[in-house]
């Protein structure tokens, strides 16, 4: 399971400064097949350590959900640590 990209990434403006909410379309790839899924995720900054990531898949996918969420969480953390999520 691999996340190719997150397209149409939109950030919701909320009043709490340590929480970031996003929606996106995730392009997922597994072996020969590729699919898209609408997702919503929240990044919550902690005082110490990496941010906490909560991911929701908004439309059904044909793959087991746990590996999809795990791959999305890892990809989102990579984007956050590299500064590509504003």
N, C-alpha and C. Protein backbone atom coordinates (compact mmCIF):
# COMPACT_ATOMS: atom_id res chain seq x y z
N UNK A 1 0.85 -1.18 0.00
CA UNK A 1 0.00 0.00 0.00
C UNK A 1 0.89 1.23 0.00
N UNK A 2 0.63 2.12 -0.94
CA UNK A 2 1.42 3.34 -1.08
C UNK A 2 0.49 4.51 -1.38
N UNK A 3 0.78 5.64 -0.76
CA UNK A 3 0.06 6.88 -1.07
C UNK A 3 0.86 7.60 -2.15
N UNK A 4 0.26 7.78 -3.32
CA UNK A 4 0.94 8.44 -4.43
C UNK A 4 0.96 9.94 -4.20
N UNK A 5 -0.21 10.51 -3.87
CA UNK A 5 -0.30 11.95 -3.63
C UNK A 5 -1.60 12.29 -2.92
N UNK A 6 -1.64 13.49 -2.38
CA UNK A 6 -2.87 14.07 -1.85
C UNK A 6 -3.23 15.25 -2.74
N UNK A 7 -4.39 15.14 -3.40
CA UNK A 7 -4.84 16.21 -4.30
C UNK A 7 -5.96 17.00 -3.64
N UNK A 8 -6.18 18.19 -4.17
CA UNK A 8 -7.25 19.07 -3.69
C UNK A 8 -7.20 19.20 -2.17
N UNK A 9 -6.03 19.48 -1.66
CA UNK A 9 -5.81 19.62 -0.23
C UNK A 9 -6.36 20.96 0.24
N UNK A 10 -7.34 20.92 1.14
CA UNK A 10 -7.98 22.13 1.66
C UNK A 10 -7.88 22.14 3.17
N UNK A 11 -7.48 23.29 3.72
CA UNK A 11 -7.40 23.44 5.16
C UNK A 11 -8.60 24.23 5.65
N UNK A 12 -9.24 23.70 6.70
CA UNK A 12 -10.36 24.41 7.33
C UNK A 12 -9.80 25.35 8.37
N UNK A 13 -10.33 26.54 8.42
CA UNK A 13 -9.91 27.51 9.44
C UNK A 13 -10.70 27.26 10.71
N UNK A 14 -9.98 26.98 11.79
CA UNK A 14 -10.61 26.80 13.09
C UNK A 14 -9.91 27.69 14.10
N UNK A 15 -10.56 27.95 15.21
CA UNK A 15 -10.06 28.91 16.18
C UNK A 15 -8.94 28.36 17.07
N UNK A 16 -8.78 27.06 17.14
CA UNK A 16 -7.77 26.48 18.01
C UNK A 16 -6.45 26.42 17.24
N UNK A 17 -5.43 27.10 17.75
CA UNK A 17 -4.19 27.27 16.99
C UNK A 17 -3.32 26.01 16.91
N UNK A 18 -3.50 25.04 17.77
CA UNK A 18 -2.66 23.84 17.75
C UNK A 18 -3.31 22.67 17.03
N UNK A 19 -4.45 22.90 16.41
CA UNK A 19 -5.14 21.87 15.63
C UNK A 19 -5.31 22.35 14.19
N UNK A 20 -4.95 21.48 13.25
CA UNK A 20 -5.13 21.76 11.82
C UNK A 20 -6.05 20.70 11.24
N UNK A 21 -7.11 21.12 10.55
CA UNK A 21 -8.04 20.19 9.91
C UNK A 21 -7.94 20.34 8.39
N UNK A 22 -7.90 19.21 7.70
CA UNK A 22 -7.76 19.19 6.25
C UNK A 22 -8.76 18.21 5.63
N UNK A 23 -9.07 18.46 4.37
CA UNK A 23 -9.76 17.48 3.53
C UNK A 23 -8.92 17.34 2.26
N UNK A 24 -8.99 16.16 1.63
CA UNK A 24 -8.19 15.93 0.43
C UNK A 24 -8.73 14.72 -0.31
N UNK A 25 -8.20 14.51 -1.49
CA UNK A 25 -8.43 13.29 -2.24
C UNK A 25 -7.09 12.56 -2.29
N UNK A 26 -7.06 11.36 -1.73
CA UNK A 26 -5.84 10.57 -1.68
C UNK A 26 -5.79 9.63 -2.87
N UNK A 27 -4.67 9.61 -3.56
CA UNK A 27 -4.44 8.66 -4.64
C UNK A 27 -3.62 7.52 -4.04
N UNK A 28 -4.21 6.32 -4.03
CA UNK A 28 -3.60 5.15 -3.40
C UNK A 28 -3.23 4.13 -4.45
N UNK A 29 -2.10 3.44 -4.21
CA UNK A 29 -1.65 2.42 -5.15
C UNK A 29 -1.26 1.17 -4.39
N UNK A 30 -1.72 0.03 -4.92
CA UNK A 30 -1.36 -1.27 -4.36
C UNK A 30 -1.09 -2.20 -5.53
N UNK A 31 0.15 -2.61 -5.67
CA UNK A 31 0.60 -3.46 -6.79
C UNK A 31 0.21 -2.83 -8.12
N UNK A 32 -0.77 -3.41 -8.82
CA UNK A 32 -1.12 -2.93 -10.16
C UNK A 32 -2.26 -1.93 -10.17
N UNK A 33 -3.02 -1.85 -9.09
CA UNK A 33 -4.22 -1.03 -9.10
C UNK A 33 -3.99 0.31 -8.39
N UNK A 34 -4.73 1.29 -8.86
CA UNK A 34 -4.67 2.63 -8.28
C UNK A 34 -6.10 3.12 -8.10
N UNK A 35 -6.37 3.76 -6.96
CA UNK A 35 -7.71 4.27 -6.70
C UNK A 35 -7.62 5.59 -5.95
N UNK A 36 -8.74 6.28 -5.89
CA UNK A 36 -8.82 7.55 -5.18
C UNK A 36 -9.83 7.42 -4.05
N UNK A 37 -9.57 8.13 -2.95
CA UNK A 37 -10.49 8.13 -1.82
C UNK A 37 -10.53 9.53 -1.21
N UNK A 38 -11.72 9.98 -0.89
CA UNK A 38 -11.86 11.24 -0.17
C UNK A 38 -11.51 10.99 1.29
N UNK A 39 -10.70 11.89 1.85
CA UNK A 39 -10.29 11.74 3.24
C UNK A 39 -10.43 13.07 3.97
N UNK A 40 -10.48 12.98 5.28
CA UNK A 40 -10.39 14.14 6.17
C UNK A 40 -9.40 13.75 7.25
N UNK A 41 -8.55 14.70 7.64
CA UNK A 41 -7.59 14.38 8.69
C UNK A 41 -7.33 15.60 9.56
N UNK A 42 -6.91 15.30 10.78
CA UNK A 42 -6.64 16.33 11.78
C UNK A 42 -5.23 16.12 12.30
N UNK A 43 -4.46 17.20 12.37
CA UNK A 43 -3.14 17.20 12.99
C UNK A 43 -3.24 17.99 14.28
N UNK A 44 -2.91 17.36 15.39
CA UNK A 44 -2.95 18.04 16.68
C UNK A 44 -1.54 18.08 17.25
N UNK A 45 -0.99 19.29 17.37
CA UNK A 45 0.36 19.46 17.90
C UNK A 45 0.38 19.18 19.39
N UNK A 46 1.42 18.52 19.82
CA UNK A 46 1.63 18.22 21.24
C UNK A 46 2.78 19.06 21.76
N UNK A 47 2.87 19.20 23.06
CA UNK A 47 3.96 19.96 23.66
C UNK A 47 5.31 19.28 23.40
N UNK A 48 5.31 17.97 23.41
CA UNK A 48 6.52 17.20 23.19
C UNK A 48 6.21 16.07 22.20
N UNK A 49 7.09 15.87 21.23
CA UNK A 49 6.92 14.77 20.30
C UNK A 49 6.21 15.16 19.03
N UNK A 50 5.99 14.17 18.17
CA UNK A 50 5.33 14.44 16.88
C UNK A 50 3.85 14.72 17.07
N UNK A 51 3.23 15.37 16.08
CA UNK A 51 1.80 15.64 16.18
C UNK A 51 0.98 14.35 16.09
N UNK A 52 -0.19 14.40 16.68
CA UNK A 52 -1.13 13.28 16.60
C UNK A 52 -1.94 13.44 15.33
N UNK A 53 -2.08 12.36 14.57
CA UNK A 53 -2.79 12.38 13.29
C UNK A 53 -4.02 11.49 13.38
N UNK A 54 -5.19 12.06 13.08
CA UNK A 54 -6.43 11.29 13.00
C UNK A 54 -6.90 11.34 11.55
N UNK A 55 -7.15 10.17 10.96
CA UNK A 55 -7.54 10.09 9.55
C UNK A 55 -8.90 9.42 9.44
N UNK A 56 -9.78 9.99 8.61
CA UNK A 56 -11.07 9.38 8.28
C UNK A 56 -11.15 9.21 6.77
N UNK A 57 -11.52 8.03 6.33
CA UNK A 57 -11.77 7.77 4.91
C UNK A 57 -13.26 7.98 4.70
N UNK A 58 -13.62 8.95 3.85
CA UNK A 58 -15.01 9.38 3.73
C UNK A 58 -15.83 8.55 2.75
N UNK A 59 -15.18 7.90 1.81
CA UNK A 59 -15.94 7.01 0.91
C UNK A 59 -15.29 5.63 0.92
N UNK A 60 -16.06 4.59 0.69
CA UNK A 60 -15.53 3.22 0.81
C UNK A 60 -14.44 2.92 -0.23
N UNK A 61 -13.45 2.15 0.20
CA UNK A 61 -12.41 1.66 -0.70
C UNK A 61 -12.47 0.14 -0.71
N UNK A 62 -11.91 -0.46 -1.74
CA UNK A 62 -11.98 -1.92 -1.89
C UNK A 62 -10.85 -2.64 -1.17
N UNK A 63 -10.08 -1.93 -0.40
CA UNK A 63 -8.96 -2.52 0.31
C UNK A 63 -9.23 -2.52 1.80
N UNK A 64 -8.51 -3.35 2.56
CA UNK A 64 -8.67 -3.31 4.03
C UNK A 64 -8.35 -1.92 4.57
N UNK A 65 -9.16 -1.46 5.47
CA UNK A 65 -9.08 -0.07 5.94
C UNK A 65 -7.84 0.20 6.79
N UNK A 66 -7.43 -0.74 7.61
CA UNK A 66 -6.29 -0.50 8.50
C UNK A 66 -5.00 -0.19 7.75
N UNK A 67 -4.60 -0.96 6.72
CA UNK A 67 -3.39 -0.58 5.98
C UNK A 67 -3.53 0.75 5.24
N UNK A 68 -4.73 1.07 4.77
CA UNK A 68 -4.96 2.35 4.09
C UNK A 68 -4.74 3.50 5.07
N UNK A 69 -5.33 3.42 6.24
CA UNK A 69 -5.20 4.49 7.25
C UNK A 69 -3.75 4.60 7.71
N UNK A 70 -3.08 3.48 7.90
CA UNK A 70 -1.68 3.50 8.34
C UNK A 70 -0.79 4.19 7.30
N UNK A 71 -0.99 3.86 6.02
CA UNK A 71 -0.20 4.48 4.95
C UNK A 71 -0.49 5.97 4.85
N UNK A 72 -1.76 6.35 4.99
CA UNK A 72 -2.12 7.77 4.96
C UNK A 72 -1.51 8.52 6.13
N UNK A 73 -1.56 7.94 7.31
CA UNK A 73 -1.00 8.58 8.50
C UNK A 73 0.51 8.81 8.33
N UNK A 74 1.21 7.81 7.83
CA UNK A 74 2.66 7.94 7.61
C UNK A 74 2.96 9.02 6.57
N UNK A 75 2.20 9.06 5.49
CA UNK A 75 2.40 10.06 4.45
C UNK A 75 2.12 11.47 4.97
N UNK A 76 1.06 11.62 5.74
CA UNK A 76 0.71 12.94 6.30
C UNK A 76 1.78 13.41 7.27
N UNK A 77 2.29 12.52 8.11
CA UNK A 77 3.37 12.91 9.03
C UNK A 77 4.62 13.33 8.25
N UNK A 78 4.92 12.64 7.17
CA UNK A 78 6.07 13.02 6.33
C UNK A 78 5.88 14.41 5.73
N UNK A 79 4.67 14.69 5.24
CA UNK A 79 4.38 16.02 4.69
C UNK A 79 4.50 17.10 5.77
N UNK A 80 4.02 16.82 6.96
CA UNK A 80 4.07 17.79 8.05
C UNK A 80 5.50 18.07 8.48
N UNK A 81 6.31 17.04 8.65
CA UNK A 81 7.67 17.24 9.11
C UNK A 81 8.54 17.93 8.04
N UNK A 82 8.19 17.76 6.77
CA UNK A 82 8.95 18.45 5.71
C UNK A 82 8.43 19.86 5.45
N UNK A 83 7.34 20.25 6.12
CA UNK A 83 6.81 21.61 5.99
C UNK A 83 5.93 21.83 4.78
N UNK A 84 5.41 20.77 4.17
CA UNK A 84 4.57 20.93 2.97
C UNK A 84 3.08 21.07 3.30
N UNK A 85 2.72 20.95 4.57
CA UNK A 85 1.33 21.25 4.98
C UNK A 85 1.34 22.58 5.70
N UNK A 86 0.57 23.51 5.21
CA UNK A 86 0.55 24.84 5.84
C UNK A 86 -0.69 25.02 6.64
